[in-house]
């Protein structure tokens, strides 16, 4: 009986510790987004890398999804998406947010562009900001590109088209999340940064993906990865 109990406990721990994708939306249409629990404010849907994606062109154009059950692990995670450029990166002035979860007083996760045509993965944790920045990009209007940001024990990392393009040695994560995350604009009450780009195939995973795990080809949801969490701290979070 003792042996059986040990086997059972071990099996349960391994089962709950399997890393997985916790959110995927192809952003095909307003109807699809709403069926997935999201809210569409303005904007439109246009061809992206895989089918349609969401375009923000005016102040207030944004998609909201609830954080609950999507960000389930604060210690590590991955956000990735496809963007079809609505302009050349060389013309970008100021911040353009393809993904954001933030509200005044909370921590944050940003995947964005910034002045000079750089891309950034940004984390706010315990009132401190940490940035993984690319060099200036030479992306052109109409091009499709994959963007991914990860945080966790390997540090903060930014991948562009499957290549590591920026990193920071911060190994923590957010401690307090906002109630929603936003796609293709800033968080409420200030979504005044439309990108004029198409964003589609947005994914959130509960672990820090390695480069070989990034979804560069198949837009469909990914099954649970055969990657096991190994620390008691991670097991406690599940």
C-alpha atoms as a PDB file:
ATOM      1  CA  UNK A   1       0.000   0.000   0.000  1.00  0.00           C
ATOM      2  CA  UNK A   2       2.858   2.375   0.847  1.00  0.00           C
ATOM      3  CA  UNK A   3       4.435   1.774  -2.555  1.00  0.00           C
ATOM      4  CA  UNK A   4       1.103   2.392  -4.286  1.00  0.00           C
ATOM      5  CA  UNK A   5       0.654   5.715  -2.460  1.00  0.00           C
ATOM      6  CA  UNK A   6       4.121   6.899  -3.463  1.00  0.00           C
ATOM      7  CA  UNK A   7       3.474   5.984  -7.095  1.00  0.00           C
ATOM      8  CA  UNK A   8       0.101   7.733  -7.038  1.00  0.00           C
ATOM      9  CA  UNK A   9       1.497  10.933  -5.508  1.00  0.00           C
ATOM     10  CA  UNK A  10       4.377  10.962  -7.989  1.00  0.00           C
ATOM     11  CA  UNK A  11       1.981  10.491 -10.902  1.00  0.00           C
ATOM     12  CA  UNK A  12      -0.260  13.310  -9.716  1.00  0.00           C
ATOM     13  CA  UNK A  13       2.676  15.694  -9.284  1.00  0.00           C
ATOM     14  CA  UNK A  14       3.986  14.911 -12.755  1.00  0.00           C
ATOM     15  CA  UNK A  15       0.533  15.276 -14.291  1.00  0.00           C
ATOM     16  CA  UNK A  16      -0.102  18.741 -12.902  1.00  0.00           C
ATOM     17  CA  UNK A  17       3.429  19.847 -13.696  1.00  0.00           C
ATOM     18  CA  UNK A  18       3.261  19.233 -17.454  1.00  0.00           C
ATOM     19  CA  UNK A  19       3.926  22.562 -19.151  1.00  0.00           C
ATOM     20  CA  UNK A  20       1.219  23.666 -21.501  1.00  0.00           C
ATOM     21  CA  UNK A  21      -0.245  26.388 -23.667  1.00  0.00           C
ATOM     22  CA  UNK A  22      -2.949  28.201 -21.700  1.00  0.00           C
ATOM     23  CA  UNK A  23      -4.342  30.499 -24.404  1.00  0.00           C
ATOM     24  CA  UNK A  24      -4.581  30.637 -28.166  1.00  0.00           C
ATOM     25  CA  UNK A  25      -6.639  32.847 -30.448  1.00  0.00           C
ATOM     26  CA  UNK A  26      -6.320  33.032 -34.204  1.00  0.00           C
ATOM     27  CA  UNK A  27      -8.199  36.380 -34.059  1.00  0.00           C
ATOM     28  CA  UNK A  28     -10.146  35.418 -37.164  1.00  0.00           C
ATOM     29  CA  UNK A  29     -13.206  37.556 -36.478  1.00  0.00           C
ATOM     30  CA  UNK A  30     -15.174  39.514 -33.892  1.00  0.00           C
ATOM     31  CA  UNK A  31     -17.501  36.540 -33.512  1.00  0.00           C
ATOM     32  CA  UNK A  32     -14.630  34.161 -32.820  1.00  0.00           C
ATOM     33  CA  UNK A  33     -12.976  36.473 -30.296  1.00  0.00           C
ATOM     34  CA  UNK A  34     -16.241  36.948 -28.424  1.00  0.00           C
ATOM     35  CA  UNK A  35     -16.863  33.188 -28.402  1.00  0.00           C
ATOM     36  CA  UNK A  36     -13.457  32.815 -26.718  1.00  0.00           C
ATOM     37  CA  UNK A  37     -14.400  35.265 -23.976  1.00  0.00           C
ATOM     38  CA  UNK A  38     -12.825  38.379 -25.453  1.00  0.00           C
ATOM     39  CA  UNK A  39     -14.186  41.868 -26.099  1.00  0.00           C
ATOM     40  CA  UNK A  40     -13.566  43.748 -29.353  1.00  0.00           C
ATOM     41  CA  UNK A  41     -13.550  47.550 -29.214  1.00  0.00           C
ATOM     42  CA  UNK A  42     -13.467  49.032 -32.711  1.00  0.00           C
ATOM     43  CA  UNK A  43     -10.767  47.996 -35.139  1.00  0.00           C
ATOM     44  CA  UNK A  44     -11.204  45.526 -37.959  1.00  0.00           C
ATOM     45  CA  UNK A  45     -10.096  42.090 -39.121  1.00  0.00           C
ATOM     46  CA  UNK A  46      -7.847  41.718 -42.157  1.00  0.00           C
ATOM     47  CA  UNK A  47      -5.542  39.095 -43.718  1.00  0.00           C
ATOM     48  CA  UNK A  48      -2.459  38.290 -41.648  1.00  0.00           C
ATOM     49  CA  UNK A  49       0.087  35.470 -41.665  1.00  0.00           C
ATOM     50  CA  UNK A  50      -2.508  32.723 -41.097  1.00  0.00           C
ATOM     51  CA  UNK A  51      -6.013  33.771 -42.105  1.00  0.00           C
ATOM     52  CA  UNK A  52      -7.278  36.995 -40.542  1.00  0.00           C
ATOM     53  CA  UNK A  53      -5.947  39.023 -37.658  1.00  0.00           C
ATOM     54  CA  UNK A  54      -6.936  42.132 -35.742  1.00  0.00           C
ATOM     55  CA  UNK A  55      -5.989  45.636 -36.902  1.00  0.00           C
ATOM     56  CA  UNK A  56      -6.001  48.732 -34.673  1.00  0.00           C
ATOM     57  CA  UNK A  57      -6.093  51.992 -36.623  1.00  0.00           C
ATOM     58  CA  UNK A  58      -7.774  54.487 -34.300  1.00  0.00           C
ATOM     59  CA  UNK A  59      -7.558  55.485 -30.654  1.00  0.00           C
ATOM     60  CA  UNK A  60      -9.654  52.993 -28.702  1.00  0.00           C
ATOM     61  CA  UNK A  61      -9.242  50.073 -31.136  1.00  0.00           C
ATOM     62  CA  UNK A  62      -8.271  47.092 -28.958  1.00  0.00           C
ATOM     63  CA  UNK A  63      -9.131  43.533 -27.943  1.00  0.00           C
ATOM     64  CA  UNK A  64      -9.446  42.597 -24.259  1.00  0.00           C
ATOM     65  CA  UNK A  65      -9.292  39.117 -22.761  1.00  0.00           C
ATOM     66  CA  UNK A  66      -9.565  38.215 -19.074  1.00  0.00           C
ATOM     67  CA  UNK A  67      -6.278  37.191 -17.469  1.00  0.00           C
ATOM     68  CA  UNK A  68      -7.931  34.516 -15.333  1.00  0.00           C
ATOM     69  CA  UNK A  69      -7.023  30.973 -16.463  1.00  0.00           C
ATOM     70  CA  UNK A  70      -4.708  32.378 -19.152  1.00  0.00           C
ATOM     71  CA  UNK A  71      -1.772  33.557 -17.034  1.00  0.00           C
ATOM     72  CA  UNK A  72      -1.552  30.758 -14.498  1.00  0.00           C
ATOM     73  CA  UNK A  73       2.134  30.982 -13.602  1.00  0.00           C
ATOM     74  CA  UNK A  74       3.791  34.231 -12.586  1.00  0.00           C
ATOM     75  CA  UNK A  75       7.294  32.768 -12.211  1.00  0.00           C
ATOM     76  CA  UNK A  76       7.733  32.040 -15.913  1.00  0.00           C
ATOM     77  CA  UNK A  77       5.837  32.215 -19.169  1.00  0.00           C
ATOM     78  CA  UNK A  78       5.801  32.936 -22.893  1.00  0.00           C
ATOM     79  CA  UNK A  79       3.791  35.274 -25.106  1.00  0.00           C
ATOM     80  CA  UNK A  80       4.047  34.899 -28.879  1.00  0.00           C
ATOM     81  CA  UNK A  81       2.208  36.219 -31.911  1.00  0.00           C
ATOM     82  CA  UNK A  82       2.401  37.006 -35.600  1.00  0.00           C
ATOM     83  CA  UNK A  83       2.434  40.590 -36.806  1.00  0.00           C
ATOM     84  CA  UNK A  84       1.900  41.852 -40.361  1.00  0.00           C
ATOM     85  CA  UNK A  85       3.533  45.241 -40.567  1.00  0.00           C
ATOM     86  CA  UNK A  86       1.394  48.262 -41.382  1.00  0.00           C
ATOM     87  CA  UNK A  87       4.457  50.442 -41.785  1.00  0.00           C
ATOM     88  CA  UNK A  88       8.243  50.213 -42.081  1.00  0.00           C
ATOM     89  CA  UNK A  89       9.902  49.857 -38.662  1.00  0.00           C
ATOM     90  CA  UNK A  90      12.204  52.757 -39.559  1.00  0.00           C
ATOM     91  CA  UNK A  91       9.219  55.140 -39.322  1.00  0.00           C
ATOM     92  CA  UNK A  92       8.147  54.129 -35.789  1.00  0.00           C
ATOM     93  CA  UNK A  93       8.190  56.910 -33.213  1.00  0.00           C
ATOM     94  CA  UNK A  94       6.959  56.110 -29.719  1.00  0.00           C
ATOM     95  CA  UNK A  95       5.530  52.927 -28.289  1.00  0.00           C
ATOM     96  CA  UNK A  96       3.283  50.533 -30.257  1.00  0.00           C
ATOM     97  CA  UNK A  97       1.931  47.622 -28.233  1.00  0.00           C
ATOM     98  CA  UNK A  98       1.154  44.315 -29.926  1.00  0.00           C
ATOM     99  CA  UNK A  99       0.468  42.743 -26.518  1.00  0.00           C
ATOM    100  CA  UNK A 100       0.056  44.243 -23.062  1.00  0.00           C
ATOM    101  CA  UNK A 101      -1.215  43.382 -19.627  1.00  0.00           C
ATOM    102  CA  UNK A 102      -0.936  46.328 -17.265  1.00  0.00           C
ATOM    103  CA  UNK A 103      -2.933  48.650 -15.072  1.00  0.00           C
ATOM    104  CA  UNK A 104      -1.649  51.390 -12.828  1.00  0.00           C
ATOM    105  CA  UNK A 105      -0.528  49.715  -9.627  1.00  0.00           C
ATOM    106  CA  UNK A 106       0.004  46.254 -11.158  1.00  0.00           C
ATOM    107  CA  UNK A 107       2.973  44.539 -12.727  1.00  0.00           C
ATOM    108  CA  UNK A 108       3.152  44.143 -16.481  1.00  0.00           C
ATOM    109  CA  UNK A 109       4.083  42.104 -19.544  1.00  0.00           C
ATOM    110  CA  UNK A 110       4.598  44.002 -22.821  1.00  0.00           C
ATOM    111  CA  UNK A 111       5.516  42.807 -26.314  1.00  0.00           C
ATOM    112  CA  UNK A 112       5.971  45.938 -28.393  1.00  0.00           C
ATOM    113  CA  UNK A 113       7.810  48.236 -30.791  1.00  0.00           C
ATOM    114  CA  UNK A 114       9.463  51.485 -29.780  1.00  0.00           C
ATOM    115  CA  UNK A 115      11.162  54.573 -31.205  1.00  0.00           C
ATOM    116  CA  UNK A 116      13.868  53.782 -33.731  1.00  0.00           C
ATOM    117  CA  UNK A 117      12.178  50.617 -34.928  1.00  0.00           C
ATOM    118  CA  UNK A 118      13.285  48.337 -32.116  1.00  0.00           C
ATOM    119  CA  UNK A 119      11.205  45.487 -30.669  1.00  0.00           C
ATOM    120  CA  UNK A 120      10.961  44.898 -26.927  1.00  0.00           C
ATOM    121  CA  UNK A 121       9.876  42.304 -24.400  1.00  0.00           C
ATOM    122  CA  UNK A 122       9.250  44.164 -21.139  1.00  0.00           C
ATOM    123  CA  UNK A 123       8.414  42.961 -17.632  1.00  0.00           C
ATOM    124  CA  UNK A 124       7.425  45.074 -14.661  1.00  0.00           C
ATOM    125  CA  UNK A 125       7.992  43.212 -11.407  1.00  0.00           C
ATOM    126  CA  UNK A 126       7.776  44.685  -7.894  1.00  0.00           C
ATOM    127  CA  UNK A 127       7.866  48.248  -9.289  1.00  0.00           C
ATOM    128  CA  UNK A 128      10.977  47.651 -11.417  1.00  0.00           C
ATOM    129  CA  UNK A 129      11.067  47.484 -15.228  1.00  0.00           C
ATOM    130  CA  UNK A 130      13.221  44.984 -17.126  1.00  0.00           C
ATOM    131  CA  UNK A 131      13.691  45.170 -20.903  1.00  0.00           C
ATOM    132  CA  UNK A 132      14.940  42.792 -23.581  1.00  0.00           C
ATOM    133  CA  UNK A 133      15.540  44.996 -26.633  1.00  0.00           C
ATOM    134  CA  UNK A 134      16.403  44.196 -30.235  1.00  0.00           C
ATOM    135  CA  UNK A 135      18.653  46.245 -32.439  1.00  0.00           C
ATOM    136  CA  UNK A 136      16.899  48.562 -34.902  1.00  0.00           C
ATOM    137  CA  UNK A 137      14.876  46.417 -37.301  1.00  0.00           C
ATOM    138  CA  UNK A 138      14.526  46.738 -41.055  1.00  0.00           C
ATOM    139  CA  UNK A 139      11.040  45.270 -41.326  1.00  0.00           C
ATOM    140  CA  UNK A 140       8.915  46.577 -44.193  1.00  0.00           C
ATOM    141  CA  UNK A 141       5.215  47.283 -44.590  1.00  0.00           C
ATOM    142  CA  UNK A 142       3.339  44.112 -45.516  1.00  0.00           C
ATOM    143  CA  UNK A 143       5.929  41.676 -44.125  1.00  0.00           C
ATOM    144  CA  UNK A 144       4.905  38.910 -41.697  1.00  0.00           C
ATOM    145  CA  UNK A 145       7.039  38.390 -38.592  1.00  0.00           C
ATOM    146  CA  UNK A 146       6.859  36.203 -35.497  1.00  0.00           C
ATOM    147  CA  UNK A 147       7.450  37.881 -32.122  1.00  0.00           C
ATOM    148  CA  UNK A 148       7.899  36.046 -28.825  1.00  0.00           C
ATOM    149  CA  UNK A 149       8.846  37.092 -25.324  1.00  0.00           C
ATOM    150  CA  UNK A 150       9.723  34.749 -22.473  1.00  0.00           C
ATOM    151  CA  UNK A 151      10.546  35.219 -18.824  1.00  0.00           C
ATOM    152  CA  UNK A 152      11.700  32.810 -16.135  1.00  0.00           C
ATOM    153  CA  UNK A 153      14.814  31.019 -14.866  1.00  0.00           C
ATOM    154  CA  UNK A 154      16.756  31.640 -18.099  1.00  0.00           C
ATOM    155  CA  UNK A 155      16.205  35.406 -17.913  1.00  0.00           C
ATOM    156  CA  UNK A 156      14.088  37.739 -20.008  1.00  0.00           C
ATOM    157  CA  UNK A 157      14.308  36.934 -23.726  1.00  0.00           C
ATOM    158  CA  UNK A 158      12.990  38.380 -26.990  1.00  0.00           C
ATOM    159  CA  UNK A 159      12.781  36.147 -30.057  1.00  0.00           C
ATOM    160  CA  UNK A 160      12.061  37.500 -33.538  1.00  0.00           C
ATOM    161  CA  UNK A 161      11.331  34.998 -36.306  1.00  0.00           C
ATOM    162  CA  UNK A 162      12.690  32.260 -34.061  1.00  0.00           C
ATOM    163  CA  UNK A 163      16.027  33.937 -33.310  1.00  0.00           C
ATOM    164  CA  UNK A 164      17.156  35.409 -29.998  1.00  0.00           C
ATOM    165  CA  UNK A 165      17.397  39.169 -30.589  1.00  0.00           C
ATOM    166  CA  UNK A 166      17.364  40.617 -27.070  1.00  0.00           C
ATOM    167  CA  UNK A 167      17.817  39.482 -23.477  1.00  0.00           C
ATOM    168  CA  UNK A 168      18.131  40.655 -19.894  1.00  0.00           C
ATOM    169  CA  UNK A 169      19.408  38.682 -16.910  1.00  0.00           C
ATOM    170  CA  UNK A 170      16.310  39.324 -14.761  1.00  0.00           C
ATOM    171  CA  UNK A 171      15.001  35.896 -13.725  1.00  0.00           C
ATOM    172  CA  UNK A 172      11.809  36.868 -11.906  1.00  0.00           C
ATOM    173  CA  UNK A 173       8.312  37.526 -13.133  1.00  0.00           C
ATOM    174  CA  UNK A 174       5.271  39.670 -12.443  1.00  0.00           C
ATOM    175  CA  UNK A 175       3.880  39.498  -8.921  1.00  0.00           C
ATOM    176  CA  UNK A 176       0.480  41.163  -9.401  1.00  0.00           C
ATOM    177  CA  UNK A 177      -1.435  40.935 -12.679  1.00  0.00           C
ATOM    178  CA  UNK A 178      -4.114  43.213 -14.104  1.00  0.00           C
ATOM    179  CA  UNK A 179      -7.540  41.684 -14.745  1.00  0.00           C
ATOM    180  CA  UNK A 180      -7.216  41.785 -18.538  1.00  0.00           C
ATOM    181  CA  UNK A 181      -4.629  41.587 -21.263  1.00  0.00           C
ATOM    182  CA  UNK A 182      -4.851  43.629 -24.452  1.00  0.00           C
ATOM    183  CA  UNK A 183      -4.020  42.832 -28.060  1.00  0.00           C
ATOM    184  CA  UNK A 184      -2.776  45.471 -30.504  1.00  0.00           C
ATOM    185  CA  UNK A 185      -3.110  48.525 -28.255  1.00  0.00           C
ATOM    186  CA  UNK A 186      -2.585  49.694 -24.696  1.00  0.00           C
ATOM    187  CA  UNK A 187      -4.598  48.696 -21.653  1.00  0.00           C
ATOM    188  CA  UNK A 188      -7.623  50.637 -20.400  1.00  0.00           C
ATOM    189  CA  UNK A 189      -8.271  53.398 -19.745  1.00  0.00           C
ATOM    190  CA  UNK A 190      -5.691  54.558 -22.292  1.00  0.00           C
ATOM    191  CA  UNK A 191      -5.776  52.527 -25.555  1.00  0.00           C
ATOM    192  CA  UNK A 192      -4.431  55.409 -27.639  1.00  0.00           C
ATOM    193  CA  UNK A 193      -1.545  53.613 -29.366  1.00  0.00           C
ATOM    194  CA  UNK A 194      -2.997  51.874 -32.456  1.00  0.00           C
ATOM    195  CA  UNK A 195      -0.293  50.004 -34.352  1.00  0.00           C
ATOM    196  CA  UNK A 196      -1.895  49.901 -37.824  1.00  0.00           C
ATOM    197  CA  UNK A 197      -0.479  46.370 -37.971  1.00  0.00           C
ATOM    198  CA  UNK A 198      -2.322  43.048 -38.178  1.00  0.00           C
ATOM    199  CA  UNK A 199      -1.821  40.802 -35.135  1.00  0.00           C
ATOM    200  CA  UNK A 200      -2.863  37.141 -35.297  1.00  0.00           C
ATOM    201  CA  UNK A 201      -2.089  33.775 -33.758  1.00  0.00           C
ATOM    202  CA  UNK A 202      -1.629  35.022 -30.179  1.00  0.00           C
ATOM    203  CA  UNK A 203      -0.434  32.384 -27.695  1.00  0.00           C
ATOM    204  CA  UNK A 204       0.289  32.312 -23.985  1.00  0.00           C
ATOM    205  CA  UNK A 205       2.152  29.424 -22.344  1.00  0.00           C
ATOM    206  CA  UNK A 206       2.676  28.717 -18.664  1.00  0.00           C
ATOM    207  CA  UNK A 207       6.407  28.070 -19.026  1.00  0.00           C
ATOM    208  CA  UNK A 208       9.470  29.692 -20.532  1.00  0.00           C
ATOM    209  CA  UNK A 209       9.633  28.207 -24.018  1.00  0.00           C
ATOM    210  CA  UNK A 210      12.897  27.262 -25.600  1.00  0.00           C
ATOM    211  CA  UNK A 211      13.422  28.379 -29.169  1.00  0.00           C
ATOM    212  CA  UNK A 212      12.495  24.979 -30.598  1.00  0.00           C
ATOM    213  CA  UNK A 213       9.058  25.166 -28.935  1.00  0.00           C
ATOM    214  CA  UNK A 214       7.979  28.415 -30.583  1.00  0.00           C
ATOM    215  CA  UNK A 215       5.024  28.027 -32.970  1.00  0.00           C
ATOM    216  CA  UNK A 216       6.525  29.397 -36.176  1.00  0.00           C
ATOM    217  CA  UNK A 217       4.479  27.352 -38.638  1.00  0.00           C
ATOM    218  CA  UNK A 218       1.261  25.789 -37.349  1.00  0.00           C
ATOM    219  CA  UNK A 219      -1.371  28.337 -36.259  1.00  0.00           C
ATOM    220  CA  UNK A 220      -3.516  25.763 -34.447  1.00  0.00           C
ATOM    221  CA  UNK A 221      -3.462  25.376 -30.655  1.00  0.00           C
ATOM    222  CA  UNK A 222      -0.571  23.252 -29.433  1.00  0.00           C
ATOM    223  CA  UNK A 223      -1.103  20.194 -27.244  1.00  0.00           C
ATOM    224  CA  UNK A 224       0.512  20.055 -23.809  1.00  0.00           C
ATOM    225  CA  UNK A 225       4.274  19.878 -24.159  1.00  0.00           C
ATOM    226  CA  UNK A 226       6.184  16.888 -22.820  1.00  0.00           C
ATOM    227  CA  UNK A 227       8.241  19.128 -20.590  1.00  0.00           C
ATOM    228  CA  UNK A 228       8.016  18.660 -16.839  1.00  0.00           C
ATOM    229  CA  UNK A 229       8.462  21.263 -14.141  1.00  0.00           C
ATOM    230  CA  UNK A 230      11.187  20.200 -11.761  1.00  0.00           C
ATOM    231  CA  UNK A 231      11.047  22.454  -8.716  1.00  0.00           C
ATOM    232  CA  UNK A 232       8.772  22.316  -5.714  1.00  0.00           C
ATOM    233  CA  UNK A 233       8.133  26.042  -6.161  1.00  0.00           C
ATOM    234  CA  UNK A 234       6.692  25.386  -9.599  1.00  0.00           C
ATOM    235  CA  UNK A 235       4.655  22.443  -8.371  1.00  0.00           C
ATOM    236  CA  UNK A 236       3.098  24.605  -5.663  1.00  0.00           C
ATOM    237  CA  UNK A 237       1.914  27.099  -8.280  1.00  0.00           C
ATOM    238  CA  UNK A 238      -0.098  24.461 -10.119  1.00  0.00           C
END
